[in-house]
Protein backbone atom coordinates (compact mmCIF):
# COMPACT_ATOMS: atom_id res chain seq x y z
CA MET A 1 -0.18 -0.18 -0.24
CA LYS A 2 2.90 2.53 0.51
CA ARG A 3 4.44 1.90 -2.81
CA ILE A 4 1.07 2.33 -4.59
CA ALA A 5 0.71 5.56 -2.26
CA CYS A 6 4.23 7.09 -3.26
CA TYR A 7 3.44 6.12 -6.73
CA LEU A 8 0.28 8.10 -6.76
CA PHE A 9 1.95 11.13 -5.37
CA ILE A 10 4.69 10.98 -7.73
CA PHE A 11 1.87 10.75 -10.40
CA CYS A 12 0.24 13.44 -8.86
CA PHE A 13 3.11 15.54 -8.79
CA VAL A 14 4.32 15.21 -12.00
CA PHE A 15 0.65 15.35 -13.54
CA SER A 16 0.15 19.12 -12.09
CA LEU A 17 4.06 19.88 -13.56
CA THR A 18 2.62 19.17 -16.68
CA LEU A 19 -0.39 21.23 -16.41
CA HIS A 20 0.85 24.20 -14.86
CA ALA A 21 4.00 23.84 -17.90
CA GLN A 22 0.96 23.68 -20.22
CA GLN A 23 -0.40 27.16 -19.07
CA PRO A 24 0.05 29.45 -22.11
CA ALA A 25 2.56 32.80 -21.13
CA PHE A 26 0.86 35.03 -19.08
CA TYR A 27 -2.21 32.75 -17.22
CA ASN A 28 -1.59 33.51 -13.70
CA ASP A 29 -1.47 37.24 -14.78
CA ILE A 30 -4.97 36.82 -16.04
CA GLN A 31 -6.18 34.41 -13.46
CA LYS A 32 -5.00 37.71 -10.97
CA PHE A 33 -7.43 39.99 -13.18
CA LYS A 34 -10.21 37.30 -12.12
CA GLU A 35 -9.59 37.02 -8.77
CA GLN A 36 -9.10 40.92 -8.49
CA ASP A 37 -12.79 40.76 -10.14
CA SER A 38 -14.47 38.55 -7.74
CA ILE A 39 -13.27 40.50 -4.50
CA ASN A 40 -14.17 43.82 -6.16
CA PRO A 41 -16.36 43.78 -8.75
CA PRO A 42 -15.21 45.99 -11.71
CA PRO A 43 -17.18 49.51 -12.95
CA GLN A 44 -19.99 49.06 -15.22
CA HIS A 45 -18.97 50.18 -19.14
CA PRO A 46 -15.43 51.66 -17.79
CA ILE A 47 -12.56 53.13 -20.22
CA LEU A 48 -10.40 50.18 -20.58
CA LEU A 49 -6.77 50.30 -20.92
CA ILE A 50 -5.66 46.82 -22.31
CA GLY A 51 -1.25 46.58 -23.14
CA SER A 52 2.09 46.27 -21.75
CA SER A 53 3.94 47.07 -18.97
CA SER A 54 3.52 51.45 -20.04
CA PHE A 55 0.10 50.41 -18.64
CA THR A 56 0.46 47.96 -15.79
CA LYS A 57 2.83 50.72 -14.29
CA TRP A 58 0.48 53.26 -14.51
CA LYS A 59 -1.50 52.97 -11.16
CA ASP A 60 -2.12 56.08 -10.41
CA VAL A 61 -3.66 56.18 -14.14
CA GLN A 62 -7.60 57.45 -12.54
CA SER A 63 -6.31 60.11 -11.04
CA TYR A 64 -5.19 61.64 -14.32
CA PHE A 65 -8.36 61.58 -15.88
CA PRO A 66 -11.15 62.73 -13.06
CA GLY A 67 -14.16 62.38 -14.21
CA TYR A 68 -13.70 59.37 -15.90
CA THR A 69 -14.31 55.55 -15.17
CA ILE A 70 -10.46 53.99 -15.74
CA LEU A 71 -9.67 50.31 -15.35
CA ASN A 72 -6.86 49.23 -16.14
CA ARG A 73 -5.97 45.56 -17.38
CA GLY A 74 -2.47 45.74 -18.82
CA PHE A 75 -0.40 43.13 -18.04
CA GLY A 76 3.64 43.53 -18.26
CA GLY A 77 5.51 42.34 -21.22
CA SER A 78 2.51 41.21 -23.36
CA SER A 79 2.54 41.78 -27.04
CA LEU A 80 -0.39 42.17 -29.61
CA PRO A 81 -0.47 37.97 -29.74
CA ASP A 82 -1.28 37.88 -25.78
CA LEU A 83 -4.16 40.42 -26.18
CA ILE A 84 -5.64 38.57 -28.74
CA ARG A 85 -5.38 34.98 -27.09
CA TYR A 86 -6.94 36.65 -23.74
CA ALA A 87 -9.78 39.09 -25.23
CA ASN A 88 -12.43 36.88 -24.27
CA ASP A 89 -10.69 37.31 -20.38
CA ILE A 90 -9.51 41.00 -20.60
CA ILE A 91 -11.70 42.72 -23.09
CA PHE A 92 -15.62 41.71 -23.39
CA PRO A 93 -16.50 40.75 -19.81
CA TYR A 94 -16.38 44.29 -19.29
CA ASN A 95 -18.38 45.79 -21.64
CA PRO A 96 -16.19 49.01 -22.09
CA LYS A 97 -17.56 51.99 -23.33
CA GLU A 98 -14.15 52.71 -24.80
CA ILE A 99 -10.75 50.67 -25.41
CA ILE A 100 -7.17 52.19 -25.22
CA ILE A 101 -4.56 50.20 -26.26
CA TYR A 102 -0.77 50.64 -25.76
CA CYS A 103 1.14 47.37 -27.30
CA GLY A 104 3.49 46.36 -30.18
CA ASP A 105 6.30 47.69 -28.27
CA ASN A 106 7.42 44.02 -26.87
CA ASP A 107 6.79 42.83 -30.03
CA PHE A 108 9.96 44.26 -31.95
CA ALA A 109 12.54 43.25 -28.17
CA VAL A 110 11.98 39.44 -28.76
CA LYS A 111 15.05 37.35 -30.38
CA ASP A 112 13.63 36.61 -33.66
CA TYR A 113 13.21 39.61 -35.61
CA VAL A 114 9.44 40.76 -36.00
CA SER A 115 8.99 43.39 -39.29
CA PRO A 116 6.33 46.40 -39.32
CA GLU A 117 4.25 44.25 -41.55
CA ILE A 118 4.37 41.69 -38.87
CA VAL A 119 2.97 43.92 -36.11
CA PHE A 120 0.64 45.87 -38.24
CA GLU A 121 -0.99 42.43 -39.26
CA ARG A 122 -1.47 41.60 -35.55
CA PHE A 123 -3.16 44.97 -34.29
CA LYS A 124 -5.61 44.49 -37.36
CA THR A 125 -6.19 40.70 -35.79
CA LEU A 126 -6.96 42.24 -32.56
CA TYR A 127 -8.96 44.92 -33.80
CA ALA A 128 -11.25 42.14 -36.32
CA VAL A 129 -11.45 40.52 -32.93
CA ILE A 130 -12.84 43.53 -30.86
CA ARG A 131 -14.76 44.61 -33.64
CA SER A 132 -16.61 40.83 -33.61
CA LYS A 133 -18.49 41.68 -30.55
CA LEU A 134 -18.15 45.67 -30.23
CA ALA A 135 -19.11 46.63 -33.48
CA ASP A 136 -19.22 50.56 -32.54
CA VAL A 137 -17.24 51.01 -29.41
CA PRO A 138 -14.37 53.52 -29.84
CA VAL A 139 -11.15 52.00 -29.77
CA ALA A 140 -7.66 54.16 -29.86
CA PHE A 141 -4.34 53.15 -30.00
CA ILE A 142 -1.57 54.67 -28.78
CA SER A 143 1.17 55.02 -30.92
CA ILE A 144 4.62 52.62 -30.00
CA LYS A 145 6.78 55.03 -27.75
CA PRO A 146 10.25 55.71 -28.38
CA SER A 147 12.29 54.45 -25.33
CA PRO A 148 15.85 54.99 -25.16
CA SER A 149 16.46 51.49 -24.56
CA ARG A 150 15.38 50.21 -27.59
CA ARG A 151 16.42 52.89 -29.94
CA LYS A 152 17.51 50.13 -32.57
CA TYR A 153 13.87 48.89 -33.26
CA TRP A 154 12.89 52.87 -33.77
CA PRO A 155 12.95 52.64 -37.50
CA GLN A 156 10.61 49.37 -37.30
CA MET A 157 8.34 51.19 -34.83
CA ILE A 158 8.10 53.98 -37.02
CA GLU A 159 6.82 52.13 -39.87
CA ALA A 160 4.76 50.17 -37.66
CA ASN A 161 3.11 53.16 -36.28
CA LYS A 162 2.37 55.08 -39.73
CA MET A 163 0.87 51.28 -40.97
CA ILE A 164 -1.79 51.48 -37.89
CA LYS A 165 -2.47 55.07 -38.42
CA ASP A 166 -2.97 54.99 -41.82
CA TYR A 167 -5.42 52.00 -41.38
CA ILE A 168 -7.22 53.05 -38.10
CA GLY A 169 -7.94 56.58 -40.49
CA THR A 170 -10.18 54.11 -42.62
CA GLN A 171 -11.99 52.96 -39.83
CA GLN A 172 -15.11 54.21 -37.91
CA HIS A 173 -14.89 54.90 -34.05
CA ALA A 174 -11.28 54.70 -34.24
CA SER A 175 -8.33 56.71 -33.29
CA PHE A 176 -4.45 56.55 -33.03
CA ILE A 177 -3.04 59.07 -30.35
CA ASP A 178 0.57 59.75 -31.19
CA VAL A 179 2.89 60.06 -28.25
CA PHE A 180 5.64 59.35 -29.97
CA HIS A 181 6.82 62.44 -31.15
CA PRO A 182 6.02 64.56 -27.92
CA MET A 183 7.92 62.54 -26.13
CA LEU A 184 11.27 63.57 -28.32
CA ASN A 185 13.53 66.44 -27.55
CA GLU A 186 14.79 69.17 -30.19
CA ASN A 187 17.13 67.18 -31.27
CA LYS A 188 14.53 64.12 -32.42
CA ASP A 189 16.13 62.35 -29.24
CA ALA A 190 13.97 60.55 -26.49
CA LYS A 191 13.33 63.14 -23.54
CA PRO A 192 15.37 61.04 -20.82
CA GLU A 193 14.14 63.01 -17.90
CA ILE A 194 10.37 61.32 -18.83
CA PHE A 195 12.14 57.82 -18.29
CA LEU A 196 13.09 55.85 -15.33
CA SER A 197 16.28 54.52 -14.77
CA ASP A 198 16.15 51.64 -17.03
CA SER A 199 15.29 53.95 -20.04
CA LEU A 200 12.45 51.66 -20.76
CA HIS A 201 9.41 52.58 -18.41
CA MET A 202 8.25 56.13 -18.05
CA ASN A 203 8.25 58.59 -14.62
CA ALA A 204 5.54 60.40 -13.54
CA ASN A 205 7.00 63.31 -16.24
CA GLY A 206 5.97 60.55 -19.24
CA TYR A 207 2.55 59.92 -18.21
CA ALA A 208 2.04 63.82 -18.03
CA ILE A 209 2.51 63.56 -21.54
CA TRP A 210 0.66 60.57 -22.24
CA GLN A 211 -2.29 62.50 -20.10
CA LYS A 212 -2.11 65.41 -22.19
CA ALA A 213 -2.26 63.11 -25.42
CA ILE A 214 -4.90 60.83 -24.47
CA GLN A 215 -7.22 63.25 -22.85
CA PRO A 216 -9.22 64.63 -26.28
CA TYR A 217 -9.89 61.05 -27.40
CA LEU A 218 -11.55 59.94 -23.90
CA VAL A 219 -15.33 59.18 -24.05
CA LYS A 220 -17.89 60.60 -21.29
């Protein structure tokens, strides 16, 4: 009996490890959102933020936009395919009045080369997924930002931004929010004073620029 019990324990342990290994990237982040929602139900019809760590680290975003109901569902390290994968978890359950996207930064910062065309196609896929259930909800895409630590990717980012902007211009209830150029100085370099020491994420000065850029596009 002891031998059988030992085998059962080993089987259960190995099975749990296998199950954990099979979970897709950022699974735990999504489960944390669900746990938060079960403890504190989210607001009805919020302005929904989805995307990567530039949103995740904007923990006081609500204070930047008084009079608006903001729900932040950014998760750090994510790329556009991750937003597509978890659309049923982080978009549709909240029935948002508006969706604001910041993503694409990490798509370029991967081991394998990703072209602007690939990032553009990923955005179009995400947009189509959103429109499949939320046909008329305003959607705004924030341009990929010019982080100093990712300077070598700027040419691809600029091209992807242009392609996405041009596409959005053909769509209804869609907006492109440019933060790339407001984050540059007169020498066309990224303003160092708006970034943290990692030269990737922003400090309050950077988010103040975002506030000014985003404000005109918010829906009451």
